[in-house]
PDB file of N, CA and C in Angstrom:
ATOM      1  N   MET A   1       4.008 -15.104  -5.232  1.00  0.00           N
ATOM      2  CA  MET A   1       4.349 -13.721  -5.508  1.00  0.00           C
ATOM      3  C   MET A   1       4.454 -12.970  -4.179  1.00  0.00           C
ATOM      4  N   ASP A   2       5.480 -12.165  -4.043  1.00  0.00           N
ATOM      5  CA  ASP A   2       5.671 -11.379  -2.835  1.00  0.00           C
ATOM      6  C   ASP A   2       4.870 -10.079  -2.950  1.00  0.00           C
ATOM      7  N   VAL A   3       3.723 -10.054  -2.324  1.00  0.00           N
ATOM      8  CA  VAL A   3       2.810  -8.916  -2.412  1.00  0.00           C
ATOM      9  C   VAL A   3       3.484  -7.645  -1.900  1.00  0.00           C
ATOM     10  N   GLN A   4       4.262  -7.769  -0.856  1.00  0.00           N
ATOM     11  CA  GLN A   4       4.922  -6.600  -0.271  1.00  0.00           C
ATOM     12  C   GLN A   4       5.864  -5.929  -1.277  1.00  0.00           C
ATOM     13  N   LYS A   5       6.635  -6.713  -2.009  1.00  0.00           N
ATOM     14  CA  LYS A   5       7.562  -6.153  -3.002  1.00  0.00           C
ATOM     15  C   LYS A   5       6.817  -5.509  -4.168  1.00  0.00           C
ATOM     16  N   VAL A   6       5.760  -6.148  -4.625  1.00  0.00           N
ATOM     17  CA  VAL A   6       4.987  -5.603  -5.745  1.00  0.00           C
ATOM     18  C   VAL A   6       4.274  -4.322  -5.319  1.00  0.00           C
ATOM     19  N   LEU A   7       3.732  -4.302  -4.125  1.00  0.00           N
ATOM     20  CA  LEU A   7       3.081  -3.106  -3.603  1.00  0.00           C
ATOM     21  C   LEU A   7       4.083  -1.957  -3.480  1.00  0.00           C
ATOM     22  N   HIS A   8       5.292  -2.270  -3.042  1.00  0.00           N
ATOM     23  CA  HIS A   8       6.355  -1.257  -2.955  1.00  0.00           C
ATOM     24  C   HIS A   8       6.686  -0.720  -4.346  1.00  0.00           C
ATOM     25  N   TYR A   9       6.788  -1.598  -5.320  1.00  0.00           N
ATOM     26  CA  TYR A   9       7.097  -1.183  -6.693  1.00  0.00           C
ATOM     27  C   TYR A   9       6.037  -0.217  -7.228  1.00  0.00           C
ATOM     28  N   PHE A  10       4.771  -0.590  -7.116  1.00  0.00           N
ATOM     29  CA  PHE A  10       3.696   0.264  -7.631  1.00  0.00           C
ATOM     30  C   PHE A  10       3.640   1.605  -6.896  1.00  0.00           C
ATOM     31  N   THR A  11       3.804   1.568  -5.595  1.00  0.00           N
ATOM     32  CA  THR A  11       3.728   2.802  -4.809  1.00  0.00           C
ATOM     33  C   THR A  11       4.862   3.758  -5.159  1.00  0.00           C
ATOM     34  N   THR A  12       6.071   3.238  -5.346  1.00  0.00           N
ATOM     35  CA  THR A  12       7.193   4.121  -5.694  1.00  0.00           C
ATOM     36  C   THR A  12       6.995   4.767  -7.054  1.00  0.00           C
ATOM     37  N   LYS A  13       6.248   4.137  -7.935  1.00  0.00           N
ATOM     38  CA  LYS A  13       5.968   4.721  -9.254  1.00  0.00           C
ATOM     39  C   LYS A  13       4.925   5.838  -9.171  1.00  0.00           C
ATOM     40  N   LEU A  14       4.139   5.864  -8.111  1.00  0.00           N
ATOM     41  CA  LEU A  14       3.077   6.862  -7.963  1.00  0.00           C
ATOM     42  C   LEU A  14       3.547   8.168  -7.326  1.00  0.00           C
ATOM     43  N   VAL A  15       4.577   8.112  -6.512  1.00  0.00           N
ATOM     44  CA  VAL A  15       4.945   9.246  -5.661  1.00  0.00           C
ATOM     45  C   VAL A  15       6.131  10.038  -6.203  1.00  0.00           C
ATOM     46  N   ASP A  16       6.300  11.254  -5.657  1.00  0.00           N
ATOM     47  CA  ASP A  16       7.439  12.093  -6.020  1.00  0.00           C
ATOM     48  C   ASP A  16       8.686  11.758  -5.214  1.00  0.00           C
ATOM     49  N   LYS A  17       8.498  11.202  -4.029  1.00  0.00           N
ATOM     50  CA  LYS A  17       9.625  10.861  -3.161  1.00  0.00           C
ATOM     51  C   LYS A  17       9.651   9.349  -2.910  1.00  0.00           C
ATOM     52  N   PRO A  18      10.079   8.573  -3.916  1.00  0.00           N
ATOM     53  CA  PRO A  18      10.059   7.113  -3.758  1.00  0.00           C
ATOM     54  C   PRO A  18      10.989   6.598  -2.663  1.00  0.00           C
ATOM     55  N   GLU A  19      12.001   7.379  -2.326  1.00  0.00           N
ATOM     56  CA  GLU A  19      12.935   6.949  -1.280  1.00  0.00           C
ATOM     57  C   GLU A  19      12.277   6.939   0.103  1.00  0.00           C
ATOM     58  N   GLU A  20      11.130   7.593   0.245  1.00  0.00           N
ATOM     59  CA  GLU A  20      10.431   7.637   1.529  1.00  0.00           C
ATOM     60  C   GLU A  20       9.310   6.599   1.639  1.00  0.00           C
ATOM     61  N   VAL A  21       9.145   5.783   0.615  1.00  0.00           N
ATOM     62  CA  VAL A  21       8.098   4.751   0.644  1.00  0.00           C
ATOM     63  C   VAL A  21       8.588   3.563   1.462  1.00  0.00           C
ATOM     64  N   GLU A  22       7.729   3.112   2.350  1.00  0.00           N
ATOM     65  CA  GLU A  22       8.034   1.933   3.154  1.00  0.00           C
ATOM     66  C   GLU A  22       6.760   1.102   3.271  1.00  0.00           C
ATOM     67  N   ILE A  23       6.876  -0.185   3.033  1.00  0.00           N
ATOM     68  CA  ILE A  23       5.741  -1.097   3.172  1.00  0.00           C
ATOM     69  C   ILE A  23       6.008  -1.973   4.394  1.00  0.00           C
ATOM     70  N   ILE A  24       5.082  -1.950   5.329  1.00  0.00           N
ATOM     71  CA  ILE A  24       5.223  -2.743   6.546  1.00  0.00           C
ATOM     72  C   ILE A  24       4.132  -3.811   6.539  1.00  0.00           C
ATOM     73  N   PHE A  25       4.555  -5.061   6.680  1.00  0.00           N
ATOM     74  CA  PHE A  25       3.626  -6.185   6.686  1.00  0.00           C
ATOM     75  C   PHE A  25       3.445  -6.682   8.112  1.00  0.00           C
ATOM     76  N   THR A  26       2.191  -6.817   8.520  1.00  0.00           N
ATOM     77  CA  THR A  26       1.863  -7.358   9.835  1.00  0.00           C
ATOM     78  C   THR A  26       0.825  -8.457   9.645  1.00  0.00           C
ATOM     79  N   GLN A  27       1.083  -9.594  10.264  1.00  0.00           N
ATOM     80  CA  GLN A  27       0.143 -10.706  10.160  1.00  0.00           C
ATOM     81  C   GLN A  27      -0.533 -10.908  11.509  1.00  0.00           C
ATOM     82  N   THR A  28      -1.858 -10.922  11.489  1.00  0.00           N
ATOM     83  CA  THR A  28      -2.641 -11.191  12.691  1.00  0.00           C
ATOM     84  C   THR A  28      -3.459 -12.452  12.427  1.00  0.00           C
ATOM     85  N   PRO A  29      -4.050 -13.034  13.447  1.00  0.00           N
ATOM     86  CA  PRO A  29      -4.874 -14.226  13.211  1.00  0.00           C
ATOM     87  C   PRO A  29      -6.054 -13.964  12.274  1.00  0.00           C
ATOM     88  N   GLU A  30      -6.566 -12.729  12.265  1.00  0.00           N
ATOM     89  CA  GLU A  30      -7.734 -12.411  11.444  1.00  0.00           C
ATOM     90  C   GLU A  30      -7.384 -12.034  10.012  1.00  0.00           C
ATOM     91  N   LYS A  31      -6.258 -11.325   9.822  1.00  0.00           N
ATOM     92  CA  LYS A  31      -5.942 -10.817   8.483  1.00  0.00           C
ATOM     93  C   LYS A  31      -4.482 -10.411   8.367  1.00  0.00           C
ATOM     94  N   ASN A  32      -4.071 -10.191   7.130  1.00  0.00           N
ATOM     95  CA  ASN A  32      -2.758  -9.629   6.839  1.00  0.00           C
ATOM     96  C   ASN A  32      -2.932  -8.131   6.632  1.00  0.00           C
ATOM     97  N   ILE A  33      -2.040  -7.337   7.206  1.00  0.00           N
ATOM     98  CA  ILE A  33      -2.128  -5.884   7.073  1.00  0.00           C
ATOM     99  C   ILE A  33      -0.878  -5.380   6.362  1.00  0.00           C
ATOM    100  N   TYR A  34      -1.100  -4.646   5.274  1.00  0.00           N
ATOM    101  CA  TYR A  34      -0.019  -3.992   4.552  1.00  0.00           C
ATOM    102  C   TYR A  34      -0.147  -2.498   4.810  1.00  0.00           C
ATOM    103  N   GLU A  35       0.843  -1.919   5.456  1.00  0.00           N
ATOM    104  CA  GLU A  35       0.823  -0.492   5.767  1.00  0.00           C
ATOM    105  C   GLU A  35       1.795   0.220   4.835  1.00  0.00           C
ATOM    106  N   ILE A  36       1.296   1.220   4.128  1.00  0.00           N
ATOM    107  CA  ILE A  36       2.119   2.003   3.211  1.00  0.00           C
ATOM    108  C   ILE A  36       2.467   3.308   3.903  1.00  0.00           C
ATOM    109  N   LYS A  37       3.755   3.547   4.109  1.00  0.00           N
ATOM    110  CA  LYS A  37       4.202   4.817   4.683  1.00  0.00           C
ATOM    111  C   LYS A  37       4.785   5.656   3.559  1.00  0.00           C
ATOM    112  N   VAL A  38       4.265   6.868   3.426  1.00  0.00           N
ATOM    113  CA  VAL A  38       4.722   7.791   2.386  1.00  0.00           C
ATOM    114  C   VAL A  38       4.879   9.185   2.982  1.00  0.00           C
ATOM    115  N   SER A  39       5.535  10.043   2.235  1.00  0.00           N
ATOM    116  CA  SER A  39       5.668  11.444   2.613  1.00  0.00           C
ATOM    117  C   SER A  39       4.274  12.072   2.661  1.00  0.00           C
ATOM    118  N   PRO A  40       4.039  12.996   3.591  1.00  0.00           N
ATOM    119  CA  PRO A  40       2.737  13.680   3.622  1.00  0.00           C
ATOM    120  C   PRO A  40       2.401  14.360   2.297  1.00  0.00           C
ATOM    121  N   LEU A  41       3.410  14.766   1.556  1.00  0.00           N
ATOM    122  CA  LEU A  41       3.180  15.415   0.266  1.00  0.00           C
ATOM    123  C   LEU A  41       2.693  14.433  -0.797  1.00  0.00           C
ATOM    124  N   ASP A  42       2.948  13.152  -0.608  1.00  0.00           N
ATOM    125  CA  ASP A  42       2.567  12.130  -1.584  1.00  0.00           C
ATOM    126  C   ASP A  42       1.272  11.409  -1.227  1.00  0.00           C
ATOM    127  N   PHE A  43       0.710  11.729  -0.086  1.00  0.00           N
ATOM    128  CA  PHE A  43      -0.489  11.036   0.390  1.00  0.00           C
ATOM    129  C   PHE A  43      -1.615  11.062  -0.641  1.00  0.00           C
ATOM    130  N   ALA A  44      -1.883  12.231  -1.194  1.00  0.00           N
ATOM    131  CA  ALA A  44      -2.984  12.373  -2.156  1.00  0.00           C
ATOM    132  C   ALA A  44      -2.747  11.552  -3.415  1.00  0.00           C
ATOM    133  N   LYS A  45      -1.493  11.391  -3.809  1.00  0.00           N
ATOM    134  CA  LYS A  45      -1.193  10.614  -5.013  1.00  0.00           C
ATOM    135  C   LYS A  45      -1.486   9.136  -4.805  1.00  0.00           C
ATOM    136  N   VAL A  46      -1.244   8.651  -3.614  1.00  0.00           N
ATOM    137  CA  VAL A  46      -1.507   7.241  -3.324  1.00  0.00           C
ATOM    138  C   VAL A  46      -3.010   7.000  -3.167  1.00  0.00           C
ATOM    139  N   ILE A  47      -3.722   7.964  -2.632  1.00  0.00           N
ATOM    140  CA  ILE A  47      -5.179   7.849  -2.501  1.00  0.00           C
ATOM    141  C   ILE A  47      -5.840   7.953  -3.867  1.00  0.00           C
ATOM    142  N   GLY A  48      -5.425   8.943  -4.659  1.00  0.00           N
ATOM    143  CA  GLY A  48      -6.006   9.137  -5.983  1.00  0.00           C
ATOM    144  C   GLY A  48      -7.335   9.872  -5.917  1.00  0.00           C
ATOM    145  N   LYS A  49      -7.825  10.246  -7.075  1.00  0.00           N
ATOM    146  CA  LYS A  49      -9.086  10.978  -7.163  1.00  0.00           C
ATOM    147  C   LYS A  49     -10.229  10.080  -6.691  1.00  0.00           C
ATOM    148  N   GLU A  50     -10.968  10.568  -5.714  1.00  0.00           N
ATOM    149  CA  GLU A  50     -12.087   9.837  -5.116  1.00  0.00           C
ATOM    150  C   GLU A  50     -11.670   8.463  -4.576  1.00  0.00           C
ATOM    151  N   GLY A  51     -10.393   8.306  -4.227  1.00  0.00           N
ATOM    152  CA  GLY A  51      -9.906   7.059  -3.647  1.00  0.00           C
ATOM    153  C   GLY A  51      -9.707   5.927  -4.635  1.00  0.00           C
ATOM    154  N   ARG A  52      -9.731   6.239  -5.917  1.00  0.00           N
ATOM    155  CA  ARG A  52      -9.657   5.181  -6.935  1.00  0.00           C
ATOM    156  C   ARG A  52      -8.324   4.432  -6.924  1.00  0.00           C
ATOM    157  N   THR A  53      -7.224   5.155  -6.758  1.00  0.00           N
ATOM    158  CA  THR A  53      -5.913   4.496  -6.750  1.00  0.00           C
ATOM    159  C   THR A  53      -5.797   3.566  -5.547  1.00  0.00           C
ATOM    160  N   PHE A  54      -6.217   4.051  -4.391  1.00  0.00           N
ATOM    161  CA  PHE A  54      -6.177   3.237  -3.180  1.00  0.00           C
ATOM    162  C   PHE A  54      -7.046   1.991  -3.322  1.00  0.00           C
ATOM    163  N   LYS A  55      -8.241   2.162  -3.862  1.00  0.00           N
ATOM    164  CA  LYS A  55      -9.140   1.021  -4.071  1.00  0.00           C
ATOM    165  C   LYS A  55      -8.532   0.010  -5.033  1.00  0.00           C
ATOM    166  N   ALA A  56      -7.845   0.505  -6.061  1.00  0.00           N
ATOM    167  CA  ALA A  56      -7.198  -0.395  -7.021  1.00  0.00           C
ATOM    168  C   ALA A  56      -6.072  -1.176  -6.353  1.00  0.00           C
ATOM    169  N   LEU A  57      -5.279  -0.515  -5.516  1.00  0.00           N
ATOM    170  CA  LEU A  57      -4.209  -1.210  -4.794  1.00  0.00           C
ATOM    171  C   LEU A  57      -4.790  -2.263  -3.854  1.00  0.00           C
ATOM    172  N   ARG A  58      -5.863  -1.925  -3.167  1.00  0.00           N
ATOM    173  CA  ARG A  58      -6.507  -2.876  -2.257  1.00  0.00           C
ATOM    174  C   ARG A  58      -7.057  -4.076  -3.036  1.00  0.00           C
ATOM    175  N   SER A  59      -7.706  -3.815  -4.154  1.00  0.00           N
ATOM    176  CA  SER A  59      -8.229  -4.904  -4.988  1.00  0.00           C
ATOM    177  C   SER A  59      -7.099  -5.789  -5.491  1.00  0.00           C
ATOM    178  N   PHE A  60      -5.996  -5.157  -5.852  1.00  0.00           N
ATOM    179  CA  PHE A  60      -4.840  -5.904  -6.341  1.00  0.00           C
ATOM    180  C   PHE A  60      -4.329  -6.886  -5.292  1.00  0.00           C
ATOM    181  N   ILE A  61      -4.077  -6.409  -4.067  1.00  0.00           N
ATOM    182  CA  ILE A  61      -3.520  -7.320  -3.067  1.00  0.00           C
ATOM    183  C   ILE A  61      -4.511  -8.411  -2.687  1.00  0.00           C
ATOM    184  N   ASN A  62      -5.793  -8.110  -2.729  1.00  0.00           N
ATOM    185  CA  ASN A  62      -6.787  -9.142  -2.419  1.00  0.00           C
ATOM    186  C   ASN A  62      -6.940 -10.154  -3.546  1.00  0.00           C
ATOM    187  N   THR A  63      -6.667  -9.749  -4.775  1.00  0.00           N
ATOM    188  CA  THR A  63      -6.716 -10.676  -5.906  1.00  0.00           C
ATOM    189  C   THR A  63      -5.488 -11.572  -5.922  1.00  0.00           C
ATOM    190  N   VAL A  64      -4.327 -10.980  -5.737  1.00  0.00           N
ATOM    191  CA  VAL A  64      -3.074 -11.736  -5.772  1.00  0.00           C
ATOM    192  C   VAL A  64      -3.000 -12.722  -4.613  1.00  0.00           C
ATOM    193  N   ASP A  65      -3.469 -12.312  -3.460  1.00  0.00           N
ATOM    194  CA  ASP A  65      -3.394 -13.148  -2.266  1.00  0.00           C
ATOM    195  C   ASP A  65      -4.809 -13.480  -1.791  1.00  0.00           C
ATOM    196  N   ALA A  66      -5.593 -14.073  -2.677  1.00  0.00           N
ATOM    197  CA  ALA A  66      -7.015 -14.313  -2.418  1.00  0.00           C
ATOM    198  C   ALA A  66      -7.267 -15.304  -1.282  1.00  0.00           C
ATOM    199  N   GLU A  67      -6.309 -16.157  -0.979  1.00  0.00           N
ATOM    200  CA  GLU A  67      -6.541 -17.158   0.061  1.00  0.00           C
ATOM    201  C   GLU A  67      -6.472 -16.576   1.476  1.00  0.00           C
ATOM    202  N   ASN A  68      -5.963 -15.361   1.601  1.00  0.00           N
ATOM    203  CA  ASN A  68      -5.882 -14.697   2.900  1.00  0.00           C
ATOM    204  C   ASN A  68      -6.728 -13.435   2.894  1.00  0.00           C
ATOM    205  N   ARG A  69      -7.199 -13.053   4.062  1.00  0.00           N
ATOM    206  CA  ARG A  69      -7.907 -11.767   4.183  1.00  0.00           C
ATOM    207  C   ARG A  69      -6.853 -10.684   4.370  1.00  0.00           C
ATOM    208  N   ASN A  70      -6.890  -9.672   3.508  1.00  0.00           N
ATOM    209  CA  ASN A  70      -5.889  -8.618   3.534  1.00  0.00           C
ATOM    210  C   ASN A  70      -6.529  -7.268   3.791  1.00  0.00           C
ATOM    211  N   ASP A  71      -5.756  -6.386   4.403  1.00  0.00           N
ATOM    212  CA  ASP A  71      -6.193  -5.014   4.620  1.00  0.00           C
ATOM    213  C   ASP A  71      -5.038  -4.104   4.232  1.00  0.00           C
ATOM    214  N   LEU A  72      -5.365  -2.948   3.701  1.00  0.00           N
ATOM    215  CA  LEU A  72      -4.365  -1.994   3.245  1.00  0.00           C
ATOM    216  C   LEU A  72      -4.567  -0.697   4.002  1.00  0.00           C
ATOM    217  N   VAL A  73      -3.482  -0.188   4.588  1.00  0.00           N
ATOM    218  CA  VAL A  73      -3.524   1.038   5.372  1.00  0.00           C
ATOM    219  C   VAL A  73      -2.472   1.982   4.819  1.00  0.00           C
ATOM    220  N   ILE A  74      -2.804   3.273   4.723  1.00  0.00           N
ATOM    221  CA  ILE A  74      -1.832   4.261   4.274  1.00  0.00           C
ATOM    222  C   ILE A  74      -1.552   5.218   5.421  1.00  0.00           C
ATOM    223  N   ASP A  75      -0.264   5.418   5.690  1.00  0.00           N
ATOM    224  CA  ASP A  75       0.179   6.292   6.768  1.00  0.00           C
ATOM    225  C   ASP A  75       1.106   7.343   6.171  1.00  0.00           C
ATOM    226  N   THR A  76       0.958   8.588   6.587  1.00  0.00           N
ATOM    227  CA  THR A  76       1.805   9.645   6.042  1.00  0.00           C
ATOM    228  C   THR A  76       2.983   9.968   6.950  1.00  0.00           C
ATOM    229  N   THR A  77       3.353   9.048   7.792  1.00  0.00           N
ATOM    230  CA  THR A  77       4.508   9.256   8.641  1.00  0.00           C
ATOM    231  C   THR A  77       5.743   9.417   7.773  1.00  0.00           C
ATOM    232  N   VAL A  78       6.522  10.441   8.056  1.00  0.00           N
ATOM    233  CA  VAL A  78       7.754  10.630   7.293  1.00  0.00           C
ATOM    234  C   VAL A  78       8.732   9.562   7.727  1.00  0.00           C
ATOM    235  N   VAL A  79       9.222   8.828   6.765  1.00  0.00           N
ATOM    236  CA  VAL A  79      10.117   7.710   7.038  1.00  0.00           C
ATOM    237  C   VAL A  79      11.521   8.223   7.260  1.00  0.00           C
TER     238      VAL A  79
END
């Protein structure tokens, strides 16, 4: 399963400006990093109340890709 594509799909469903969503994948020797870039106006929607949405996304990528150590980062850089 392509985690990057699935993460992009879920994130675009959460935000008001899906055209500004960008998922950047970086692989390091220690871990895989998925960076979510969204509009500053959509940042709170991706984080969710008390960080629940963000935690769910992080749990999702770690479950789907359990054989690798993954990290999830959210950036509000306007794409």
